Amino acid sequence: MIEVPAELARIQGEVNGDEGRAFIAALPGLAERFLEEWGLRRAGPVMHGWSALVLPVVAGDGTRAALKLQLRDEESEGEGAALRAWGGSGAVRLLAEDAGTATLLLEWLDEGRHLSAVEDVREATATLAGLMARLVAVPAPAGMRRLGDIAARMLDDVPEALAWLEREEDRRLLRDCAAAVREVVGEPGDRLLHWDLHFDNVLAADREPWLAIDPKPLAGDPGFELLPALFDRFDPDDVLWRFDLMTEVLGLDRERARAWTLGRVLQDSLWDVEDGVTVLEGERAVVGRLLLGR
């Protein structure tokens, strides 16, 4: 039986409450079930992130793989469909899936070599942009969460959030981000987005130098993909050239990409306000103000 890492149990309890604690309690049995059903044997220590437990395994034919066990929710339900759509092009290859539990069997990548280890931030950003361009070239499968729906809900939430913010400069930032989204919300796009593509979600591989992992997929405009990559090794002086590099590699209209990136700033800020934040500070606020020319 596996031993669930205490940190994963803490995170699930804090973020998902009773549902998260039930998931943690069920994890050992779930792992044993899929090790047996898929003919796998463990081949290394347990790994985990914020939302998933990963077991290094070996299949019956000797192939190394990773068994990913995660709480089934709106985001994880779409992961298998996204990986199938990409078919291993720019992203980790899906070997098996149990849709009922969102359990995945993935090809083995080098978990010790993240793109964040590349010293040259321009080289790392260009590499990530190249992967992103390949991923967003694929149309989103039917049934995927849609950016248009998400953006409409965000705009509905803005008036209440404005009432909670203490400073006028923060209310102005939120209003301007919302105004940018209103300009593009009628054309939300239909590309398959990773939604969480940053340096630590890119791993070295044998069949390609780098592959993306851990998508939280949705259908939408590629401009909504850019913000997480601007936070890696954050430096305000790097924001605009990194934004321009990514839009150039992806062949995006800069103003449209700017609007959707401000939409991502809006989304993150609304989540902060929902969590009780009354002053908008930190990296996302800096990015928002830079893209707004302040």
C-alpha atoms as a PDB file:
ATOM      1  CA  MET A   1       0.000   0.000   0.000  1.00  0.00           C
ATOM      2  CA  ILE A   2       1.255   3.452  -0.833  1.00  0.00           C
ATOM      3  CA  GLU A   3       1.859   6.097   1.793  1.00  0.00           C
ATOM      4  CA  VAL A   4       0.177   9.357   0.811  1.00  0.00           C
ATOM      5  CA  PRO A   5       2.527  12.343   1.265  1.00  0.00           C
ATOM      6  CA  ALA A   6       1.443  14.549   4.156  1.00  0.00           C
ATOM      7  CA  GLU A   7       1.818  17.699   2.049  1.00  0.00           C
ATOM      8  CA  LEU A   8      -0.592  16.425  -0.604  1.00  0.00           C
ATOM      9  CA  ALA A   9      -3.078  15.502   2.123  1.00  0.00           C
ATOM     10  CA  ARG A  10      -2.766  18.976   3.645  1.00  0.00           C
ATOM     11  CA  ILE A  11      -3.300  20.720   0.303  1.00  0.00           C
ATOM     12  CA  GLN A  12      -6.324  18.622  -0.606  1.00  0.00           C
ATOM     13  CA  GLY A  13      -7.886  19.207   2.792  1.00  0.00           C
ATOM     14  CA  GLU A  14      -7.360  22.959   2.584  1.00  0.00           C
ATOM     15  CA  VAL A  15      -8.410  23.415  -1.027  1.00  0.00           C
ATOM     16  CA  ASN A  16     -11.144  20.805  -1.479  1.00  0.00           C
ATOM     17  CA  GLY A  17     -12.373  20.207   2.063  1.00  0.00           C
ATOM     18  CA  ASP A  18     -14.320  16.993   2.651  1.00  0.00           C
ATOM     19  CA  GLU A  19     -14.049  16.020  -1.001  1.00  0.00           C
ATOM     20  CA  GLY A  20     -10.275  16.379  -0.867  1.00  0.00           C
ATOM     21  CA  ARG A  21     -10.010  14.370   2.344  1.00  0.00           C
ATOM     22  CA  ALA A  22     -12.160  11.615   0.834  1.00  0.00           C
ATOM     23  CA  PHE A  23      -9.879  11.558  -2.207  1.00  0.00           C
ATOM     24  CA  ILE A  24      -6.806  11.193   0.009  1.00  0.00           C
ATOM     25  CA  ALA A  25      -8.433   8.367   1.984  1.00  0.00           C
ATOM     26  CA  ALA A  26      -9.242   6.518  -1.235  1.00  0.00           C
ATOM     27  CA  LEU A  27      -5.810   6.973  -2.844  1.00  0.00           C
ATOM     28  CA  PRO A  28      -4.077   3.803  -1.565  1.00  0.00           C
ATOM     29  CA  GLY A  29      -6.919   1.592  -2.766  1.00  0.00           C
ATOM     30  CA  LEU A  30      -7.139   3.457  -6.064  1.00  0.00           C
ATOM     31  CA  ALA A  31      -3.422   2.984  -6.679  1.00  0.00           C
ATOM     32  CA  GLU A  32      -3.593  -0.738  -5.949  1.00  0.00           C
ATOM     33  CA  ARG A  33      -6.587  -1.094  -8.255  1.00  0.00           C
ATOM     34  CA  PHE A  34      -4.863   0.390 -11.294  1.00  0.00           C
ATOM     35  CA  LEU A  35      -1.513  -1.239 -10.626  1.00  0.00           C
ATOM     36  CA  GLU A  36      -3.356  -4.561 -10.848  1.00  0.00           C
ATOM     37  CA  GLU A  37      -5.813  -3.734 -13.672  1.00  0.00           C
ATOM     38  CA  TRP A  38      -3.149  -2.239 -15.941  1.00  0.00           C
ATOM     39  CA  GLY A  39      -0.466  -4.806 -15.107  1.00  0.00           C
ATOM     40  CA  LEU A  40       1.970  -2.326 -13.595  1.00  0.00           C
ATOM     41  CA  ARG A  41       4.656  -2.599 -10.952  1.00  0.00           C
ATOM     42  CA  ARG A  42       6.057   0.288  -8.972  1.00  0.00           C
ATOM     43  CA  ALA A  43       9.495   1.504  -9.990  1.00  0.00           C
ATOM     44  CA  GLY A  44      10.332   4.413  -7.737  1.00  0.00           C
ATOM     45  CA  PRO A  45       9.252   6.674  -4.900  1.00  0.00           C
ATOM     46  CA  VAL A  46       5.904   8.465  -4.843  1.00  0.00           C
ATOM     47  CA  MET A  47       5.805  11.961  -6.366  1.00  0.00           C
ATOM     48  CA  HIS A  48       3.139  14.628  -6.100  1.00  0.00           C
ATOM     49  CA  GLY A  49       2.173  18.161  -7.027  1.00  0.00           C
ATOM     50  CA  TRP A  50      -0.691  20.292  -5.784  1.00  0.00           C
ATOM     51  CA  SER A  51      -3.463  18.051  -7.015  1.00  0.00           C
ATOM     52  CA  ALA A  52      -2.143  14.652  -8.057  1.00  0.00           C
ATOM     53  CA  LEU A  53      -0.148  11.661  -6.875  1.00  0.00           C
ATOM     54  CA  VAL A  54       2.258  10.168  -9.417  1.00  0.00           C
ATOM     55  CA  LEU A  55       3.764   6.676  -9.208  1.00  0.00           C
ATOM     56  CA  PRO A  56       6.725   5.700 -11.399  1.00  0.00           C
ATOM     57  CA  VAL A  57       5.799   2.305 -12.838  1.00  0.00           C
ATOM     58  CA  VAL A  58       6.891  -0.346 -15.334  1.00  0.00           C
ATOM     59  CA  ALA A  59       4.382  -2.030 -17.641  1.00  0.00           C
ATOM     60  CA  GLY A  60       4.340  -5.748 -18.425  1.00  0.00           C
ATOM     61  CA  ASP A  61       6.416  -5.210 -21.578  1.00  0.00           C
ATOM     62  CA  GLY A  62       9.097  -3.347 -19.634  1.00  0.00           C
ATOM     63  CA  THR A  63       8.003   0.150 -20.690  1.00  0.00           C
ATOM     64  CA  ARG A  64       8.527   2.843 -18.064  1.00  0.00           C
ATOM     65  CA  ALA A  65       5.485   5.018 -17.387  1.00  0.00           C
ATOM     66  CA  ALA A  66       3.851   7.296 -14.822  1.00  0.00           C
ATOM     67  CA  LEU A  67       0.556   6.487 -13.090  1.00  0.00           C
ATOM     68  CA  LYS A  68      -1.242   9.739 -12.285  1.00  0.00           C
ATOM     69  CA  LEU A  69      -4.017   9.673  -9.671  1.00  0.00           C
ATOM     70  CA  GLN A  70      -6.021  12.851  -9.147  1.00  0.00           C
ATOM     71  CA  LEU A  71      -9.296  14.203  -7.886  1.00  0.00           C
ATOM     72  CA  ARG A  72     -11.872  14.092 -10.661  1.00  0.00           C
ATOM     73  CA  ASP A  73     -13.118  17.621 -11.307  1.00  0.00           C
ATOM     74  CA  GLU A  74     -13.881  19.964 -14.213  1.00  0.00           C
ATOM     75  CA  GLU A  75     -10.207  20.415 -15.034  1.00  0.00           C
ATOM     76  CA  SER A  76      -8.959  16.837 -14.651  1.00  0.00           C
ATOM     77  CA  GLU A  77     -11.891  15.409 -16.622  1.00  0.00           C
ATOM     78  CA  GLY A  78     -10.602  17.162 -19.733  1.00  0.00           C
ATOM     79  CA  GLU A  79      -6.952  16.168 -19.379  1.00  0.00           C
ATOM     80  CA  GLY A  80      -7.233  12.807 -21.109  1.00  0.00           C
ATOM     81  CA  ALA A  81      -9.211  14.268 -24.010  1.00  0.00           C
ATOM     82  CA  ALA A  82      -6.618  17.006 -24.493  1.00  0.00           C
ATOM     83  CA  LEU A  83      -3.696  14.589 -24.452  1.00  0.00           C
ATOM     84  CA  ARG A  84      -5.448  12.344 -26.969  1.00  0.00           C
ATOM     85  CA  ALA A  85      -6.070  15.342 -29.243  1.00  0.00           C
ATOM     86  CA  TRP A  86      -2.404  16.349 -29.106  1.00  0.00           C
ATOM     87  CA  GLY A  87      -1.324  12.752 -29.709  1.00  0.00           C
ATOM     88  CA  GLY A  88       2.080  13.271 -28.140  1.00  0.00           C
ATOM     89  CA  SER A  89       2.943  16.252 -30.355  1.00  0.00           C
ATOM     90  CA  GLY A  90       4.438  18.772 -27.961  1.00  0.00           C
ATOM     91  CA  ALA A  91       2.891  17.095 -24.920  1.00  0.00           C
ATOM     92  CA  VAL A  92       3.308  13.949 -22.868  1.00  0.00           C
ATOM     93  CA  ARG A  93       1.746  10.899 -24.521  1.00  0.00           C
ATOM     94  CA  LEU A  94      -1.351   9.299 -22.964  1.00  0.00           C
ATOM     95  CA  LEU A  95      -1.070   5.514 -22.681  1.00  0.00           C
ATOM     96  CA  ALA A  96      -4.296   4.690 -20.833  1.00  0.00           C
ATOM     97  CA  GLU A  97      -7.160   6.470 -19.072  1.00  0.00           C
ATOM     98  CA  ASP A  98      -9.967   5.649 -16.686  1.00  0.00           C
ATOM     99  CA  ALA A  99     -12.414   8.479 -17.286  1.00  0.00           C
ATOM    100  CA  GLY A 100     -14.526   7.657 -14.231  1.00  0.00           C
ATOM    101  CA  THR A 101     -11.680   8.473 -11.833  1.00  0.00           C
ATOM    102  CA  ALA A 102      -9.544  10.738 -14.109  1.00  0.00           C
ATOM    103  CA  THR A 103      -6.666   8.278 -13.596  1.00  0.00           C
ATOM    104  CA  LEU A 104      -4.044   8.442 -16.338  1.00  0.00           C
ATOM    105  CA  LEU A 105      -1.132   6.297 -17.461  1.00  0.00           C
ATOM    106  CA  LEU A 106       1.446   8.561 -19.104  1.00  0.00           C
ATOM    107  CA  GLU A 107       4.714   8.069 -20.895  1.00  0.00           C
ATOM    108  CA  TRP A 108       7.760   8.459 -18.694  1.00  0.00           C
ATOM    109  CA  LEU A 109       9.561  11.793 -18.834  1.00  0.00           C
ATOM    110  CA  ASP A 110      12.629  13.020 -16.954  1.00  0.00           C
ATOM    111  CA  GLU A 111      11.051  14.390 -13.780  1.00  0.00           C
ATOM    112  CA  GLY A 112      14.419  15.820 -12.720  1.00  0.00           C
ATOM    113  CA  ARG A 113      14.837  18.116 -15.740  1.00  0.00           C
ATOM    114  CA  HIS A 114      12.362  20.979 -15.991  1.00  0.00           C
ATOM    115  CA  LEU A 115      12.584  23.771 -18.534  1.00  0.00           C
ATOM    116  CA  SER A 116      13.109  26.063 -15.537  1.00  0.00           C
ATOM    117  CA  ALA A 117      16.646  24.627 -15.303  1.00  0.00           C
ATOM    118  CA  VAL A 118      17.611  26.346 -18.588  1.00  0.00           C
ATOM    119  CA  GLU A 119      19.700  29.323 -17.496  1.00  0.00           C
ATOM    120  CA  ASP A 120      18.983  31.616 -20.439  1.00  0.00           C
ATOM    121  CA  VAL A 121      15.469  32.950 -19.879  1.00  0.00           C
ATOM    122  CA  ARG A 122      15.175  34.013 -23.521  1.00  0.00           C
ATOM    123  CA  GLU A 123      16.024  30.504 -24.694  1.00  0.00           C
ATOM    124  CA  ALA A 124      13.574  28.973 -22.200  1.00  0.00           C
ATOM    125  CA  THR A 125      10.809  31.391 -23.246  1.00  0.00           C
ATOM    126  CA  ALA A 126      11.388  30.665 -26.926  1.00  0.00           C
ATOM    127  CA  THR A 127      11.285  26.915 -26.254  1.00  0.00           C
ATOM    128  CA  LEU A 128       8.035  27.228 -24.346  1.00  0.00           C
ATOM    129  CA  ALA A 129       6.543  29.448 -27.053  1.00  0.00           C
ATOM    130  CA  GLY A 130       7.415  26.834 -29.665  1.00  0.00           C
ATOM    131  CA  LEU A 131       5.619  24.141 -27.684  1.00  0.00           C
ATOM    132  CA  MET A 132       2.668  26.447 -27.114  1.00  0.00           C
ATOM    133  CA  ALA A 133       2.378  27.151 -30.834  1.00  0.00           C
ATOM    134  CA  ARG A 134       2.135  23.429 -31.555  1.00  0.00           C
ATOM    135  CA  LEU A 135      -0.463  22.845 -28.860  1.00  0.00           C
ATOM    136  CA  VAL A 136      -2.782  25.691 -29.824  1.00  0.00           C
ATOM    137  CA  ALA A 137      -2.664  24.636 -33.485  1.00  0.00           C
ATOM    138  CA  VAL A 138      -5.055  21.820 -32.525  1.00  0.00           C
ATOM    139  CA  PRO A 139      -8.807  22.529 -32.396  1.00  0.00           C
ATOM    140  CA  ALA A 140     -10.419  21.788 -29.046  1.00  0.00           C
ATOM    141  CA  PRO A 141     -12.395  18.525 -28.839  1.00  0.00           C
ATOM    142  CA  ALA A 142     -16.132  18.674 -28.335  1.00  0.00           C
ATOM    143  CA  GLY A 143     -17.246  18.990 -24.723  1.00  0.00           C
ATOM    144  CA  MET A 144     -14.216  20.979 -23.532  1.00  0.00           C
ATOM    145  CA  ARG A 145     -14.710  23.934 -21.172  1.00  0.00           C
ATOM    146  CA  ARG A 146     -15.051  27.115 -23.218  1.00  0.00           C
ATOM    147  CA  LEU A 147     -13.287  30.420 -22.683  1.00  0.00           C
ATOM    148  CA  GLY A 148     -16.363  32.357 -23.793  1.00  0.00           C
ATOM    149  CA  ASP A 149     -18.387  30.967 -20.883  1.00  0.00           C
ATOM    150  CA  ILE A 150     -15.556  31.627 -18.429  1.00  0.00           C
ATOM    151  CA  ALA A 151     -15.098  35.202 -19.656  1.00  0.00           C
ATOM    152  CA  ALA A 152     -18.822  35.963 -19.403  1.00  0.00           C
ATOM    153  CA  ARG A 153     -18.867  34.779 -15.781  1.00  0.00           C
ATOM    154  CA  MET A 154     -15.806  36.881 -15.011  1.00  0.00           C
ATOM    155  CA  LEU A 155     -17.455  40.020 -16.332  1.00  0.00           C
ATOM    156  CA  ASP A 156     -20.538  39.280 -14.253  1.00  0.00           C
ATOM    157  CA  ASP A 157     -18.341  39.063 -11.114  1.00  0.00           C
ATOM    158  CA  VAL A 158     -16.533  42.384 -11.623  1.00  0.00           C
ATOM    159  CA  PRO A 159     -19.041  44.764  -9.942  1.00  0.00           C
ATOM    160  CA  GLU A 160     -19.036  42.808  -6.678  1.00  0.00           C
ATOM    161  CA  ALA A 161     -15.230  42.525  -6.690  1.00  0.00           C
ATOM    162  CA  LEU A 162     -14.838  46.275  -7.202  1.00  0.00           C
ATOM    163  CA  ALA A 163     -16.777  46.889  -4.002  1.00  0.00           C
ATOM    164  CA  TRP A 164     -14.258  44.881  -1.988  1.00  0.00           C
ATOM    165  CA  LEU A 165     -11.079  46.581  -3.218  1.00  0.00           C
ATOM    166  CA  GLU A 166      -9.642  49.293  -0.983  1.00  0.00           C
ATOM    167  CA  ARG A 167      -7.619  51.335  -3.467  1.00  0.00           C
ATOM    168  CA  GLU A 168      -8.812  53.264  -6.493  1.00  0.00           C
ATOM    169  CA  GLU A 169      -5.729  52.189  -8.467  1.00  0.00           C
ATOM    170  CA  ASP A 170      -6.782  48.558  -7.993  1.00  0.00           C
ATOM    171  CA  ARG A 171     -10.383  49.270  -8.957  1.00  0.00           C
ATOM    172  CA  ARG A 172      -9.074  51.012 -12.062  1.00  0.00           C
ATOM    173  CA  LEU A 173      -6.919  47.998 -12.939  1.00  0.00           C
ATOM    174  CA  LEU A 174      -9.892  45.672 -12.607  1.00  0.00           C
ATOM    175  CA  ARG A 175     -12.158  47.945 -14.655  1.00  0.00           C
ATOM    176  CA  ASP A 176      -9.569  48.306 -17.422  1.00  0.00           C
ATOM    177  CA  CYS A 177      -8.964  44.545 -17.577  1.00  0.00           C
ATOM    178  CA  ALA A 178     -12.711  43.988 -17.813  1.00  0.00           C
ATOM    179  CA  ALA A 179     -12.985  46.599 -20.577  1.00  0.00           C
ATOM    180  CA  ALA A 180     -10.287  44.779 -22.563  1.00  0.00           C
ATOM    181  CA  VAL A 181     -12.144  41.478 -22.204  1.00  0.00           C
ATOM    182  CA  ARG A 182     -15.406  43.054 -23.371  1.00  0.00           C
ATOM    183  CA  GLU A 183     -13.665  43.990 -26.632  1.00  0.00           C
ATOM    184  CA  VAL A 184     -12.880  40.337 -27.463  1.00  0.00           C
ATOM    185  CA  VAL A 185     -15.428  38.245 -25.560  1.00  0.00           C
ATOM    186  CA  GLY A 186     -17.589  37.889 -28.661  1.00  0.00           C
ATOM    187  CA  GLU A 187     -14.789  35.928 -30.380  1.00  0.00           C
ATOM    188  CA  PRO A 188     -13.390  33.632 -27.663  1.00  0.00           C
ATOM    189  CA  GLY A 189     -11.656  31.199 -30.047  1.00  0.00           C
ATOM    190  CA  ASP A 190     -11.744  27.439 -30.450  1.00  0.00           C
ATOM    191  CA  ARG A 191      -8.129  26.304 -30.022  1.00  0.00           C
ATOM    192  CA  LEU A 192      -7.100  23.660 -27.485  1.00  0.00           C
ATOM    193  CA  LEU A 193      -5.418  25.566 -24.646  1.00  0.00           C
ATOM    194  CA  HIS A 194      -3.157  24.073 -21.981  1.00  0.00           C
ATOM    195  CA  TRP A 195      -4.076  26.914 -19.578  1.00  0.00           C
ATOM    196  CA  ASP A 196      -1.150  26.307 -17.184  1.00  0.00           C
ATOM    197  CA  LEU A 197       1.908  26.249 -19.429  1.00  0.00           C
ATOM    198  CA  HIS A 198       4.991  27.502 -17.616  1.00  0.00           C
ATOM    199  CA  PHE A 199       8.604  26.358 -17.260  1.00  0.00           C
ATOM    200  CA  ASP A 200       7.922  23.815 -14.504  1.00  0.00           C
ATOM    201  CA  ASN A 201       5.197  22.160 -16.591  1.00  0.00           C
ATOM    202  CA  VAL A 202       7.694  21.302 -19.336  1.00  0.00           C
ATOM    203  CA  LEU A 203       9.922  18.250 -18.856  1.00  0.00           C
ATOM    204  CA  ALA A 204      12.806  16.770 -20.817  1.00  0.00           C
ATOM    205  CA  ALA A 205      12.045  13.618 -22.787  1.00  0.00           C
ATOM    206  CA  ASP A 206      13.757  10.991 -24.925  1.00  0.00           C
ATOM    207  CA  ARG A 207      11.651  11.291 -28.090  1.00  0.00           C
ATOM    208  CA  GLU A 208      11.666  15.113 -28.041  1.00  0.00           C
ATOM    209  CA  PRO A 209      13.867  17.570 -26.153  1.00  0.00           C
ATOM    210  CA  TRP A 210      10.912  18.989 -24.182  1.00  0.00           C
ATOM    211  CA  LEU A 211       7.255  18.074 -23.671  1.00  0.00           C
ATOM    212  CA  ALA A 212       4.395  19.793 -21.842  1.00  0.00           C
ATOM    213  CA  ILE A 213       2.660  18.099 -18.909  1.00  0.00           C
ATOM    214  CA  ASP A 214      -0.318  18.672 -16.626  1.00  0.00           C
ATOM    215  CA  PRO A 215      -2.782  20.592 -18.822  1.00  0.00           C
ATOM    216  CA  LYS A 216      -5.941  22.129 -17.396  1.00  0.00           C
ATOM    217  CA  PRO A 217      -7.511  22.358 -20.837  1.00  0.00           C
ATOM    218  CA  LEU A 218     -10.167  24.565 -22.317  1.00  0.00           C
ATOM    219  CA  ALA A 219     -11.243  25.793 -25.752  1.00  0.00           C
ATOM    220  CA  GLY A 220     -10.360  29.361 -26.535  1.00  0.00           C
ATOM    221  CA  ASP A 221      -8.057  32.041 -27.896  1.00  0.00           C
ATOM    222  CA  PRO A 222      -4.279  31.394 -27.646  1.00  0.00           C
ATOM    223  CA  GLY A 223      -3.808  34.829 -26.076  1.00  0.00           C
ATOM    224  CA  PHE A 224      -5.284  33.392 -22.884  1.00  0.00           C
ATOM    225  CA  GLU A 225      -2.256  31.062 -22.636  1.00  0.00           C
ATOM    226  CA  LEU A 226       0.497  33.622 -22.165  1.00  0.00           C
ATOM    227  CA  LEU A 227       0.299  34.855 -18.567  1.00  0.00           C
ATOM    228  CA  PRO A 228       1.779  31.867 -16.658  1.00  0.00           C
ATOM    229  CA  ALA A 229       4.929  32.000 -18.801  1.00  0.00           C
ATOM    230  CA  LEU A 230       5.445  35.661 -17.855  1.00  0.00           C
ATOM    231  CA  PHE A 231       5.715  34.706 -14.168  1.00  0.00           C
ATOM    232  CA  ASP A 232       8.660  32.287 -14.504  1.00  0.00           C
ATOM    233  CA  ARG A 233      11.748  33.940 -12.958  1.00  0.00           C
ATOM    234  CA  PHE A 234       9.708  37.096 -12.799  1.00  0.00           C
ATOM    235  CA  ASP A 235      11.382  40.374 -13.672  1.00  0.00           C
ATOM    236  CA  PRO A 236       9.253  43.421 -14.575  1.00  0.00           C
ATOM    237  CA  ASP A 237      11.868  44.463 -17.123  1.00  0.00           C
ATOM    238  CA  ASP A 238      11.361  41.174 -18.989  1.00  0.00           C
ATOM    239  CA  VAL A 239       7.575  41.222 -19.244  1.00  0.00           C
ATOM    240  CA  LEU A 240       7.113  43.120 -22.496  1.00  0.00           C
ATOM    241  CA  TRP A 241       9.870  41.441 -24.514  1.00  0.00           C
ATOM    242  CA  ARG A 242       8.712  38.026 -23.357  1.00  0.00           C
ATOM    243  CA  PHE A 243       5.132  38.878 -24.265  1.00  0.00           C
ATOM    244  CA  ASP A 244       6.275  40.084 -27.692  1.00  0.00           C
ATOM    245  CA  LEU A 245       8.442  36.999 -28.257  1.00  0.00           C
ATOM    246  CA  MET A 246       5.535  34.659 -27.537  1.00  0.00           C
ATOM    247  CA  THR A 247       3.044  36.564 -29.681  1.00  0.00           C
ATOM    248  CA  GLU A 248       5.559  36.567 -32.540  1.00  0.00           C
ATOM    249  CA  VAL A 249       6.282  32.829 -32.319  1.00  0.00           C
ATOM    250  CA  LEU A 250       2.561  32.028 -32.117  1.00  0.00           C
ATOM    251  CA  GLY A 251       1.697  34.483 -34.899  1.00  0.00           C
ATOM    252  CA  LEU A 252      -0.869  36.289 -32.728  1.00  0.00           C
ATOM    253  CA  ASP A 253      -2.362  39.731 -33.156  1.00  0.00           C
ATOM    254  CA  ARG A 254      -0.645  41.665 -30.381  1.00  0.00           C
ATOM    255  CA  GLU A 255      -3.634  43.740 -29.300  1.00  0.00           C
ATOM    256  CA  ARG A 256      -5.936  40.731 -29.187  1.00  0.00           C
ATOM    257  CA  ALA A 257      -3.340  38.754 -27.215  1.00  0.00           C
ATOM    258  CA  ARG A 258      -2.951  41.723 -24.884  1.00  0.00           C
ATOM    259  CA  ALA A 259      -6.711  41.784 -24.246  1.00  0.00           C
ATOM    260  CA  TRP A 260      -6.869  38.092 -23.421  1.00  0.00           C
ATOM    261  CA  THR A 261      -3.773  38.316 -21.218  1.00  0.00           C
ATOM    262  CA  LEU A 262      -5.479  41.123 -19.314  1.00  0.00           C
ATOM    263  CA  GLY A 263      -8.431  38.733 -19.093  1.00  0.00           C
ATOM    264  CA  ARG A 264      -6.154  36.266 -17.354  1.00  0.00           C
ATOM    265  CA  VAL A 265      -5.041  39.015 -14.963  1.00  0.00           C
ATOM    266  CA  LEU A 266      -8.724  39.684 -14.334  1.00  0.00           C
ATOM    267  CA  GLN A 267      -9.427  36.011 -13.641  1.00  0.00           C
ATOM    268  CA  ASP A 268      -6.582  35.722 -11.143  1.00  0.00           C
ATOM    269  CA  SER A 269      -7.533  38.991  -9.449  1.00  0.00           C
ATOM    270  CA  LEU A 270     -11.165  37.899  -9.074  1.00  0.00           C
ATOM    271  CA  TRP A 271      -9.975  34.682  -7.434  1.00  0.00           C
ATOM    272  CA  ASP A 272      -7.838  36.741  -5.043  1.00  0.00           C
ATOM    273  CA  VAL A 273     -10.794  38.927  -4.085  1.00  0.00           C
ATOM    274  CA  GLU A 274     -12.903  35.806  -3.571  1.00  0.00           C
ATOM    275  CA  ASP A 275     -10.218  34.612  -1.140  1.00  0.00           C
ATOM    276  CA  GLY A 276     -10.456  37.849   0.853  1.00  0.00           C
ATOM    277  CA  VAL A 277      -7.764  39.983  -0.797  1.00  0.00           C
ATOM    278  CA  THR A 278      -8.559  43.704  -0.766  1.00  0.00           C
ATOM    279  CA  VAL A 279      -5.324  45.080  -2.309  1.00  0.00           C
ATOM    280  CA  LEU A 280      -4.039  43.860  -5.688  1.00  0.00           C
ATOM    281  CA  GLU A 281      -0.292  43.383  -5.466  1.00  0.00           C
ATOM    282  CA  GLY A 282       2.345  41.016  -6.809  1.00  0.00           C
ATOM    283  CA  GLU A 283       3.288  39.784 -10.239  1.00  0.00           C
ATOM    284  CA  ARG A 284      -0.120  39.703 -11.925  1.00  0.00           C
ATOM    285  CA  ALA A 285      -0.853  43.305 -10.965  1.00  0.00           C
ATOM    286  CA  VAL A 286       2.550  44.360 -12.320  1.00  0.00           C
ATOM    287  CA  VAL A 287       1.915  42.522 -15.596  1.00  0.00           C
ATOM    288  CA  GLY A 288      -1.537  44.062 -15.912  1.00  0.00           C
ATOM    289  CA  ARG A 289      -0.283  47.598 -15.393  1.00  0.00           C
ATOM    290  CA  LEU A 290       2.630  47.101 -17.824  1.00  0.00           C
ATOM    291  CA  LEU A 291       0.306  45.805 -20.552  1.00  0.00           C
ATOM    292  CA  LEU A 292      -1.959  48.783 -19.901  1.00  0.00           C
ATOM    293  CA  GLY A 293       1.004  51.127 -20.367  1.00  0.00           C
ATOM    294  CA  ARG A 294       1.373  52.276 -16.788  1.00  0.00           C
END
